[in-house]
Every structure is written in structure tokens, then in C-alpha cells.
C-alpha atoms as a PDB file:
ATOM      1  CA  UNK A   1     -43.546 -52.627  71.930  1.00  0.00           C
ATOM      2  CA  UNK A   2     -46.929 -54.228  71.473  1.00  0.00           C
ATOM      3  CA  UNK A   3     -47.453 -52.328  68.196  1.00  0.00           C
ATOM      4  CA  UNK A   4     -44.100 -53.463  66.849  1.00  0.00           C
ATOM      5  CA  UNK A   5     -44.892 -57.072  67.672  1.00  0.00           C
ATOM      6  CA  UNK A   6     -48.294 -56.721  66.011  1.00  0.00           C
ATOM      7  CA  UNK A   7     -46.704 -55.262  62.862  1.00  0.00           C
ATOM      8  CA  UNK A   8     -44.131 -58.049  62.753  1.00  0.00           C
ATOM      9  CA  UNK A   9     -46.857 -60.633  63.208  1.00  0.00           C
ATOM     10  CA  UNK A  10     -48.923 -59.096  60.413  1.00  0.00           C
ATOM     11  CA  UNK A  11     -45.917 -59.027  58.092  1.00  0.00           C
ATOM     12  CA  UNK A  12     -45.144 -62.660  58.891  1.00  0.00           C
ATOM     13  CA  UNK A  13     -48.750 -63.633  58.263  1.00  0.00           C
ATOM     14  CA  UNK A  14     -48.792 -61.774  54.934  1.00  0.00           C
ATOM     15  CA  UNK A  15     -45.540 -63.436  53.890  1.00  0.00           C
ATOM     16  CA  UNK A  16     -46.939 -66.826  54.860  1.00  0.00           C
ATOM     17  CA  UNK A  17     -50.122 -66.184  52.878  1.00  0.00           C
ATOM     18  CA  UNK A  18     -48.133 -65.071  49.850  1.00  0.00           C
ATOM     19  CA  UNK A  19     -45.933 -68.147  50.086  1.00  0.00           C
ATOM     20  CA  UNK A  20     -49.007 -70.314  50.483  1.00  0.00           C
ATOM     21  CA  UNK A  21     -50.591 -68.675  47.418  1.00  0.00           C
ATOM     22  CA  UNK A  22     -47.490 -69.233  45.308  1.00  0.00           C
ATOM     23  CA  UNK A  23     -47.280 -72.806  46.506  1.00  0.00           C
ATOM     24  CA  UNK A  24     -50.902 -73.332  45.561  1.00  0.00           C
ATOM     25  CA  UNK A  25     -50.288 -71.887  42.111  1.00  0.00           C
ATOM     26  CA  UNK A  26     -47.396 -74.261  41.492  1.00  0.00           C
ATOM     27  CA  UNK A  27     -49.073 -77.173  43.212  1.00  0.00           C
ATOM     28  CA  UNK A  28     -50.383 -78.648  39.967  1.00  0.00           C
ATOM     29  CA  UNK A  29     -47.691 -77.224  37.652  1.00  0.00           C
ATOM     30  CA  UNK A  30     -44.014 -77.914  38.152  1.00  0.00           C
ATOM     31  CA  UNK A  31     -41.913 -75.079  36.671  1.00  0.00           C
ATOM     32  CA  UNK A  32     -39.559 -77.569  35.016  1.00  0.00           C
ATOM     33  CA  UNK A  33     -42.500 -79.271  33.310  1.00  0.00           C
ATOM     34  CA  UNK A  34     -43.744 -75.893  32.090  1.00  0.00           C
ATOM     35  CA  UNK A  35     -40.418 -75.029  30.466  1.00  0.00           C
ATOM     36  CA  UNK A  36     -40.118 -78.492  28.922  1.00  0.00           C
ATOM     37  CA  UNK A  37     -43.648 -78.300  27.515  1.00  0.00           C
ATOM     38  CA  UNK A  38     -43.075 -74.806  26.084  1.00  0.00           C
ATOM     39  CA  UNK A  39     -39.763 -75.872  24.560  1.00  0.00           C
ATOM     40  CA  UNK A  40     -41.332 -78.905  22.923  1.00  0.00           C
ATOM     41  CA  UNK A  41     -44.272 -76.738  21.879  1.00  0.00           C
ATOM     42  CA  UNK A  42     -41.920 -74.404  20.044  1.00  0.00           C
ATOM     43  CA  UNK A  43     -40.164 -77.316  18.329  1.00  0.00           C
ATOM     44  CA  UNK A  44     -43.452 -78.982  17.334  1.00  0.00           C
ATOM     45  CA  UNK A  45     -44.930 -75.688  16.144  1.00  0.00           C
ATOM     46  CA  UNK A  46     -41.797 -75.044  14.107  1.00  0.00           C
ATOM     47  CA  UNK A  47     -42.121 -78.477  12.474  1.00  0.00           C
ATOM     48  CA  UNK A  48     -45.763 -77.767  11.564  1.00  0.00           C
ATOM     49  CA  UNK A  49     -44.802 -74.365  10.144  1.00  0.00           C
ATOM     50  CA  UNK A  50     -41.987 -75.877   8.049  1.00  0.00           C
ATOM     51  CA  UNK A  51     -44.293 -78.578   6.692  1.00  0.00           C
ATOM     52  CA  UNK A  52     -46.832 -75.913   5.753  1.00  0.00           C
ATOM     53  CA  UNK A  53     -44.120 -73.845   4.044  1.00  0.00           C
ATOM     54  CA  UNK A  54     -42.682 -76.757   2.063  1.00  0.00           C
ATOM     55  CA  UNK A  55     -46.022 -78.240   0.984  1.00  0.00           C
ATOM     56  CA  UNK A  56     -47.805 -74.958   0.188  1.00  0.00           C
ATOM     57  CA  UNK A  57     -49.008 -74.920  -3.422  1.00  0.00           C
ATOM     58  CA  UNK A  58     -51.205 -71.826  -3.417  1.00  0.00           C
ATOM     59  CA  UNK A  59     -50.668 -68.501  -5.147  1.00  0.00           C
ATOM     60  CA  UNK A  60     -50.085 -66.096  -2.235  1.00  0.00           C
ATOM     61  CA  UNK A  61     -47.986 -67.514   0.607  1.00  0.00           C
ATOM     62  CA  UNK A  62     -48.508 -65.785   3.972  1.00  0.00           C
ATOM     63  CA  UNK A  63     -45.451 -65.852   6.284  1.00  0.00           C
ATOM     64  CA  UNK A  64     -47.615 -64.596   9.156  1.00  0.00           C
ATOM     65  CA  UNK A  65     -49.715 -67.774   8.998  1.00  0.00           C
ATOM     66  CA  UNK A  66     -46.658 -69.933   9.731  1.00  0.00           C
ATOM     67  CA  UNK A  67     -45.957 -67.754  12.780  1.00  0.00           C
ATOM     68  CA  UNK A  68     -49.612 -68.196  13.780  1.00  0.00           C
ATOM     69  CA  UNK A  69     -49.192 -71.984  13.740  1.00  0.00           C
ATOM     70  CA  UNK A  70     -46.233 -71.751  16.129  1.00  0.00           C
ATOM     71  CA  UNK A  71     -48.110 -69.345  18.409  1.00  0.00           C
ATOM     72  CA  UNK A  72     -51.204 -71.580  18.498  1.00  0.00           C
ATOM     73  CA  UNK A  73     -49.109 -74.499  19.722  1.00  0.00           C
ATOM     74  CA  UNK A  74     -47.325 -72.387  22.337  1.00  0.00           C
ATOM     75  CA  UNK A  75     -50.517 -70.744  23.610  1.00  0.00           C
ATOM     76  CA  UNK A  76     -52.562 -73.940  23.833  1.00  0.00           C
ATOM     77  CA  UNK A  77     -49.882 -75.807  25.814  1.00  0.00           C
ATOM     78  CA  UNK A  78     -49.897 -73.723  29.044  1.00  0.00           C
ATOM     79  CA  UNK A  79     -53.684 -73.299  28.893  1.00  0.00           C
ATOM     80  CA  UNK A  80     -54.195 -77.069  28.973  1.00  0.00           C
ATOM     81  CA  UNK A  81     -51.579 -77.428  31.722  1.00  0.00           C
ATOM     82  CA  UNK A  82     -53.517 -74.978  33.889  1.00  0.00           C
ATOM     83  CA  UNK A  83     -57.004 -76.410  33.409  1.00  0.00           C
ATOM     84  CA  UNK A  84     -56.303 -80.142  33.298  1.00  0.00           C
ATOM     85  CA  UNK A  85     -56.370 -80.519  37.099  1.00  0.00           C
ATOM     86  CA  UNK A  86     -58.943 -77.825  37.967  1.00  0.00           C
ATOM     87  CA  UNK A  87     -62.536 -78.592  36.980  1.00  0.00           C
ATOM     88  CA  UNK A  88     -63.854 -75.152  37.938  1.00  0.00           C
ATOM     89  CA  UNK A  89     -61.159 -73.400  35.911  1.00  0.00           C
ATOM     90  CA  UNK A  90     -61.835 -75.744  32.999  1.00  0.00           C
ATOM     91  CA  UNK A  91     -65.525 -74.849  32.929  1.00  0.00           C
ATOM     92  CA  UNK A  92     -64.717 -71.156  33.171  1.00  0.00           C
ATOM     93  CA  UNK A  93     -62.256 -71.410  30.289  1.00  0.00           C
ATOM     94  CA  UNK A  94     -64.832 -73.220  28.143  1.00  0.00           C
ATOM     95  CA  UNK A  95     -67.390 -70.528  28.921  1.00  0.00           C
ATOM     96  CA  UNK A  96     -64.925 -67.758  28.060  1.00  0.00           C
ATOM     97  CA  UNK A  97     -63.966 -69.368  24.766  1.00  0.00           C
ATOM     98  CA  UNK A  98     -67.615 -69.948  23.853  1.00  0.00           C
ATOM     99  CA  UNK A  99     -68.213 -66.196  23.570  1.00  0.00           C
ATOM    100  CA  UNK A 100     -65.129 -65.527  21.450  1.00  0.00           C
ATOM    101  CA  UNK A 101     -65.788 -65.265  17.725  1.00  0.00           C
ATOM    102  CA  UNK A 102     -62.978 -65.585  15.198  1.00  0.00           C
ATOM    103  CA  UNK A 103     -63.905 -63.573  12.111  1.00  0.00           C
ATOM    104  CA  UNK A 104     -60.710 -64.030  10.088  1.00  0.00           C
ATOM    105  CA  UNK A 105     -61.544 -65.555   6.712  1.00  0.00           C
ATOM    106  CA  UNK A 106     -59.586 -68.699   5.855  1.00  0.00           C
ATOM    107  CA  UNK A 107     -58.515 -68.712   2.195  1.00  0.00           C
ATOM    108  CA  UNK A 108     -57.879 -72.436   1.919  1.00  0.00           C
ATOM    109  CA  UNK A 109     -59.731 -75.216   3.805  1.00  0.00           C
ATOM    110  CA  UNK A 110     -56.367 -76.897   4.287  1.00  0.00           C
ATOM    111  CA  UNK A 111     -55.257 -73.939   6.417  1.00  0.00           C
ATOM    112  CA  UNK A 112     -58.020 -74.835   8.884  1.00  0.00           C
ATOM    113  CA  UNK A 113     -56.628 -78.364   9.120  1.00  0.00           C
ATOM    114  CA  UNK A 114     -53.174 -76.942   9.938  1.00  0.00           C
ATOM    115  CA  UNK A 115     -54.672 -74.806  12.713  1.00  0.00           C
ATOM    116  CA  UNK A 116     -56.423 -77.834  14.218  1.00  0.00           C
ATOM    117  CA  UNK A 117     -53.135 -79.723  13.929  1.00  0.00           C
ATOM    118  CA  UNK A 118     -51.331 -77.026  15.922  1.00  0.00           C
ATOM    119  CA  UNK A 119     -54.101 -76.928  18.543  1.00  0.00           C
ATOM    120  CA  UNK A 120     -54.049 -80.718  18.906  1.00  0.00           C
ATOM    121  CA  UNK A 121     -50.299 -80.720  19.456  1.00  0.00           C
ATOM    122  CA  UNK A 122     -50.678 -78.027  22.107  1.00  0.00           C
ATOM    123  CA  UNK A 123     -53.336 -80.102  23.886  1.00  0.00           C
ATOM    124  CA  UNK A 124     -51.144 -83.220  23.858  1.00  0.00           C
ATOM    125  CA  UNK A 125     -48.115 -81.331  25.158  1.00  0.00           C
ATOM    126  CA  UNK A 126     -50.171 -79.539  27.806  1.00  0.00           C
ATOM    127  CA  UNK A 127     -51.516 -82.882  28.986  1.00  0.00           C
ATOM    128  CA  UNK A 128     -47.951 -84.149  29.402  1.00  0.00           C
ATOM    129  CA  UNK A 129     -48.140 -86.633  26.518  1.00  0.00           C
ATOM    130  CA  UNK A 130     -44.779 -85.663  25.056  1.00  0.00           C
ATOM    131  CA  UNK A 131     -43.945 -88.904  23.261  1.00  0.00           C
ATOM    132  CA  UNK A 132     -47.387 -89.275  21.578  1.00  0.00           C
ATOM    133  CA  UNK A 133     -47.169 -85.632  20.489  1.00  0.00           C
ATOM    134  CA  UNK A 134     -43.766 -86.149  18.853  1.00  0.00           C
ATOM    135  CA  UNK A 135     -44.906 -89.364  17.168  1.00  0.00           C
ATOM    136  CA  UNK A 136     -48.087 -87.730  15.856  1.00  0.00           C
ATOM    137  CA  UNK A 137     -46.349 -84.633  14.490  1.00  0.00           C
ATOM    138  CA  UNK A 138     -43.682 -86.723  12.734  1.00  0.00           C
ATOM    139  CA  UNK A 139     -46.211 -89.136  11.228  1.00  0.00           C
ATOM    140  CA  UNK A 140     -48.477 -86.360   9.943  1.00  0.00           C
ATOM    141  CA  UNK A 141     -45.455 -84.497   8.555  1.00  0.00           C
ATOM    142  CA  UNK A 142     -44.351 -87.547   6.582  1.00  0.00           C
ATOM    143  CA  UNK A 143     -47.888 -88.084   5.269  1.00  0.00           C
ATOM    144  CA  UNK A 144     -48.169 -84.438   4.209  1.00  0.00           C
ATOM    145  CA  UNK A 145     -44.891 -84.634   2.293  1.00  0.00           C
ATOM    146  CA  UNK A 146     -45.986 -87.877   0.601  1.00  0.00           C
ATOM    147  CA  UNK A 147     -49.351 -86.402  -0.418  1.00  0.00           C
ATOM    148  CA  UNK A 148     -47.678 -83.210  -1.608  1.00  0.00           C
ATOM    149  CA  UNK A 149     -45.212 -85.209  -3.743  1.00  0.00           C
ATOM    150  CA  UNK A 150     -48.075 -87.242  -5.238  1.00  0.00           C
ATOM    151  CA  UNK A 151     -49.932 -84.026  -6.013  1.00  0.00           C
ATOM    152  CA  UNK A 152     -46.850 -82.529  -7.692  1.00  0.00           C
ATOM    153  CA  UNK A 153     -46.306 -85.610  -9.856  1.00  0.00           C
ATOM    154  CA  UNK A 154     -49.870 -85.455 -11.195  1.00  0.00           C
ATOM    155  CA  UNK A 155     -50.708 -83.452 -14.311  1.00  0.00           C
ATOM    156  CA  UNK A 156     -51.259 -79.782 -13.598  1.00  0.00           C
ATOM    157  CA  UNK A 157     -54.542 -77.966 -14.187  1.00  0.00           C
ATOM    158  CA  UNK A 158     -54.606 -74.606 -16.008  1.00  0.00           C
ATOM    159  CA  UNK A 159     -57.091 -72.260 -17.596  1.00  0.00           C
ATOM    160  CA  UNK A 160     -56.434 -71.603 -21.287  1.00  0.00           C
ATOM    161  CA  UNK A 161     -58.014 -68.348 -22.500  1.00  0.00           C
ATOM    162  CA  UNK A 162     -58.203 -67.819 -26.264  1.00  0.00           C
ATOM    163  CA  UNK A 163     -59.286 -64.842 -28.366  1.00  0.00           C
ATOM    164  CA  UNK A 164     -59.928 -65.884 -31.976  1.00  0.00           C
ATOM    165  CA  UNK A 165     -62.038 -65.546 -35.083  1.00  0.00           C
ATOM    166  CA  UNK A 166     -65.001 -67.886 -35.068  1.00  0.00           C
ATOM    167  CA  UNK A 167     -64.058 -69.705 -38.276  1.00  0.00           C
ATOM    168  CA  UNK A 168     -60.945 -71.314 -36.653  1.00  0.00           C
ATOM    169  CA  UNK A 169     -62.766 -72.947 -33.738  1.00  0.00           C
ATOM    170  CA  UNK A 170     -62.515 -76.380 -35.362  1.00  0.00           C
ATOM    171  CA  UNK A 171     -58.740 -76.067 -35.683  1.00  0.00           C
ATOM    172  CA  UNK A 172     -58.506 -75.039 -32.022  1.00  0.00           C
ATOM    173  CA  UNK A 173     -60.459 -78.090 -30.851  1.00  0.00           C
ATOM    174  CA  UNK A 174     -58.330 -80.377 -33.018  1.00  0.00           C
ATOM    175  CA  UNK A 175     -55.138 -78.920 -31.564  1.00  0.00           C
ATOM    176  CA  UNK A 176     -56.474 -79.323 -28.030  1.00  0.00           C
ATOM    177  CA  UNK A 177     -57.121 -83.009 -28.627  1.00  0.00           C
ATOM    178  CA  UNK A 178     -53.503 -83.443 -29.770  1.00  0.00           C
ATOM    179  CA  UNK A 179     -51.728 -81.212 -27.240  1.00  0.00           C
ATOM    180  CA  UNK A 180     -53.399 -81.783 -23.846  1.00  0.00           C
ATOM    181  CA  UNK A 181     -54.367 -84.820 -21.828  1.00  0.00           C
ATOM    182  CA  UNK A 182     -57.866 -83.592 -20.966  1.00  0.00           C
ATOM    183  CA  UNK A 183     -59.779 -80.399 -21.701  1.00  0.00           C
ATOM    184  CA  UNK A 184     -63.113 -79.017 -20.563  1.00  0.00           C
ATOM    185  CA  UNK A 185     -64.893 -75.947 -21.910  1.00  0.00           C
ATOM    186  CA  UNK A 186     -65.591 -73.478 -19.094  1.00  0.00           C
ATOM    187  CA  UNK A 187     -66.937 -70.460 -20.966  1.00  0.00           C
ATOM    188  CA  UNK A 188     -67.481 -69.123 -24.462  1.00  0.00           C
ATOM    189  CA  UNK A 189     -68.222 -65.544 -25.478  1.00  0.00           C
ATOM    190  CA  UNK A 190     -69.105 -64.280 -28.957  1.00  0.00           C
ATOM    191  CA  UNK A 191     -68.760 -60.597 -29.892  1.00  0.00           C
ATOM    192  CA  UNK A 192     -68.767 -58.640 -33.131  1.00  0.00           C
ATOM    193  CA  UNK A 193     -64.987 -58.370 -32.898  1.00  0.00           C
ATOM    194  CA  UNK A 194     -64.451 -62.108 -32.493  1.00  0.00           C
ATOM    195  CA  UNK A 195     -64.841 -64.833 -29.883  1.00  0.00           C
ATOM    196  CA  UNK A 196     -63.347 -65.864 -26.542  1.00  0.00           C
ATOM    197  CA  UNK A 197     -63.155 -69.349 -25.038  1.00  0.00           C
ATOM    198  CA  UNK A 198     -61.858 -70.532 -21.668  1.00  0.00           C
ATOM    199  CA  UNK A 199     -60.784 -74.171 -21.326  1.00  0.00           C
ATOM    200  CA  UNK A 200     -59.644 -76.066 -18.262  1.00  0.00           C
ATOM    201  CA  UNK A 201     -56.729 -78.175 -19.463  1.00  0.00           C
ATOM    202  CA  UNK A 202     -54.334 -80.639 -17.854  1.00  0.00           C
ATOM    203  CA  UNK A 203     -50.837 -80.778 -19.247  1.00  0.00           C
ATOM    204  CA  UNK A 204     -47.162 -81.145 -18.373  1.00  0.00           C
ATOM    205  CA  UNK A 205     -45.589 -78.723 -20.867  1.00  0.00           C
ATOM    206  CA  UNK A 206     -47.275 -75.445 -20.092  1.00  0.00           C
ATOM    207  CA  UNK A 207     -45.597 -73.317 -22.789  1.00  0.00           C
ATOM    208  CA  UNK A 208     -45.996 -75.494 -25.878  1.00  0.00           C
ATOM    209  CA  UNK A 209     -49.791 -75.365 -25.990  1.00  0.00           C
ATOM    210  CA  UNK A 210     -49.724 -71.564 -26.075  1.00  0.00           C
ATOM    211  CA  UNK A 211     -47.206 -71.571 -28.937  1.00  0.00           C
ATOM    212  CA  UNK A 212     -49.232 -74.109 -30.897  1.00  0.00           C
ATOM    213  CA  UNK A 213     -52.413 -72.103 -30.441  1.00  0.00           C
ATOM    214  CA  UNK A 214     -50.741 -68.974 -31.773  1.00  0.00           C
ATOM    215  CA  UNK A 215     -49.633 -70.912 -34.858  1.00  0.00           C
ATOM    216  CA  UNK A 216     -53.306 -71.378 -35.802  1.00  0.00           C
ATOM    217  CA  UNK A 217     -54.490 -68.778 -38.270  1.00  0.00           C
ATOM    218  CA  UNK A 218     -57.230 -66.669 -36.713  1.00  0.00           C
ATOM    219  CA  UNK A 219     -56.060 -66.955 -33.081  1.00  0.00           C
ATOM    220  CA  UNK A 220     -55.195 -63.477 -31.811  1.00  0.00           C
ATOM    221  CA  UNK A 221     -53.804 -64.358 -28.374  1.00  0.00           C
ATOM    222  CA  UNK A 222     -53.585 -67.236 -25.907  1.00  0.00           C
ATOM    223  CA  UNK A 223     -53.196 -66.991 -22.129  1.00  0.00           C
ATOM    224  CA  UNK A 224     -52.444 -69.821 -19.690  1.00  0.00           C
ATOM    225  CA  UNK A 225     -53.399 -69.267 -16.040  1.00  0.00           C
ATOM    226  CA  UNK A 226     -52.806 -71.556 -13.054  1.00  0.00           C
ATOM    227  CA  UNK A 227     -56.123 -73.035 -11.965  1.00  0.00           C
ATOM    228  CA  UNK A 228     -56.835 -72.730  -8.207  1.00  0.00           C
ATOM    229  CA  UNK A 229     -60.031 -74.726  -7.672  1.00  0.00           C
ATOM    230  CA  UNK A 230     -61.338 -77.746  -5.823  1.00  0.00           C
ATOM    231  CA  UNK A 231     -59.975 -80.056  -8.550  1.00  0.00           C
ATOM    232  CA  UNK A 232     -57.147 -77.982  -9.910  1.00  0.00           C
ATOM    233  CA  UNK A 233     -53.786 -77.837  -8.172  1.00  0.00           C
END
């Protein structure tokens, strides 16, 4: 009888400790707030991903990067919710993150800005600042679309590669002055078989300059390539 009472007392104590532990875990985090923050995190991350998709002007679009932006927002949100009210846990998290090294190469510096954008939104949502987070993501989205539209309306930059006989170089330069807004010589190669020049040009009609170059006697071929550089779009 005494053993049974002892077992029942131990079970009750264990249940009480478990309940106390669960209560302590949810003391600083209300489950409803967690679901709201995660839901808003998904919506905000989706907005960032859509802005990235619509404003991307590179050569190789990566669908996995848009998913990464959503995941960054969702992951950062609960982390901030857990550490915002626990100083010891905050210091431990900072120490853990300080030894993590991210070795993935970023192709475009703008991609880094998008990652910081997603992290910032996760921090705001995790801190419970829902309205500021929504205002910030909407304002930045509008600004990104405006800057993207301004970039699209500007003259495009291309690389014009020409293979020609050296005697027609004067005619090529004259045609460039007539056909393009601006041109800059990037490279010039002379061989026994002929010559090659690469120009950076800015123009609106990308096909006409190639046709006009081929009309020049002595030009063997002309190639127009989209210019991906710090100044070219």
C-alpha cells in the first residue's frame, strides 16, 4: 500500500514538473502569437520573393533563391521570439551564430540586400512589430518596382563584337557614331587573318546595329551580347 502511494506520488510529481516545464516554455511565447507571426512571416517572405522575381534583370534566374528568401523570413521570426525575453539564450544564440560560416557565393550584390531584407522582416515580426513590418515591406517593394522601371526605361548596354578587315575600321567607327547613343572601345585584337574589336554600346534598337555593321564591306560578322557589369544593365 505504501509502495503504491509512493508510485502515485512520484507520477503526480513528474506530471507537475512536466506541466511546469511546458508552462515555462510558453511563458514568454503565446501559441497564438507564434502562429500569427509565422503566418505574417510567410506572407511577407512571399512578397519579397515576388518583388525579387518581377524586378530580376540578370541572365540566370534561380527559383531556389526566392524560396530561400521566404525561408529566411520564416526561420528568423521564431528565433527572435525565443531570444527577445531571455538574455542568456540571446547570448548563446549570438555565440552559436558567430562560429557559423556561410560559404555560398553570391552572384549579384543585390541578392545580399534581398537576404538582409528578409532577415530584417523576420526580426521585426519576431519582435511583435507587425504593423511596422508590413509598412516597411510595402514601402521597399514600391521603391524596388520604381527603380526597376527607371532602369528598364534607360538605354540598354551591350557588347558589340566585330570581326573585320583592318581597312574598314574607319567605316565601322563612322557607323557607330550614327547608330548608337554612346560607344566605348573595350578590346582590339589584330591577327594575320583580320581584326577583332569589342565595343560597349548603349542603344534601344538592338538588331539594327548588327544589320548595319554587316552592310559594311569588310565586316565578316557582328555579335551583340547583353552586358552584365557594374554599369551595364
